[in-house]
Amino acid sequence: MGRPAIAKKQPTVDMTAMCDVAFLLLSFFILATKLKPQESVTIATPSSVSKQEAPSKDLVVISINPAGKVFFSVQEAEKKKAMIEDAAKLANVNLSPDEVDKLTKQSMIAVPFAQLKQQAAMNDKEIGDKLPGIDVQDSAHNEMRTWLRAANDAYFGTKMNLLIKGDNVAKYPQFREVIDALKANELFQFQLVTNPEAVPTGTLLWESENERKK
């Protein structure tokens, strides 16, 4: 009498645990990912051959869009609030504490002093290219001087990384008025934000970098 044949079972792999881990990882990355906020003002900076990276903190940024409108943003909320209070006082604009708080929470200053109260009443999503920008018509109407004076006072004794982010086709008169405002406040250390590109092959800079690598 022969032995009964034992039925062969196909090997199986339980994927339940692996699926759980995959979904846990997916959930983690979705929750942990911090999306880059959309910029309020669209600016295409010019290209330059530079490897220097812009600072990431203590930022005070002057932006000039393609139409020549000038916007002003300060990264640190505490210093931004002090700057707004000081600038409003210098410009004789009577802002309530609530309006100062609202302006502090917004991404940038985007109007002349005469319209500062109207900006305070806006939602931050409304702050952008459609607003008129800071008045920098000429030397007699250059409100950036006041804003930079107030920013300089707010950062007194501490580090301030001053950046100018101008569009590739921004008009020169507005850029000149911004530079004049910096000079008027004796702010001679600032950086221009550009779009870095590789060193062109065959240039003196390219050759010197190759020599350095050898």
Foldseek 3Di string as FASTA:
>chain_A
DDDDDDDDDDDDDDCVVVVVVVVVVVVVCVVPDDDDDDDQEDAAFAEDADDDDADDPLEWEWEQHLARAIKIFGDDLVLQLQLVVQLCVVVVNDDDPQLSNQQSPAGIHAEESVCSSVVSPDDNSPDHDVYRHYFQPDPVRHSLLSSVLSSCVSQVPHDHAYEYEYHPNHDDSSVVSNVVSCVVNPNPDYYYDHHYDHDDPPDPVNVVVVVVVD
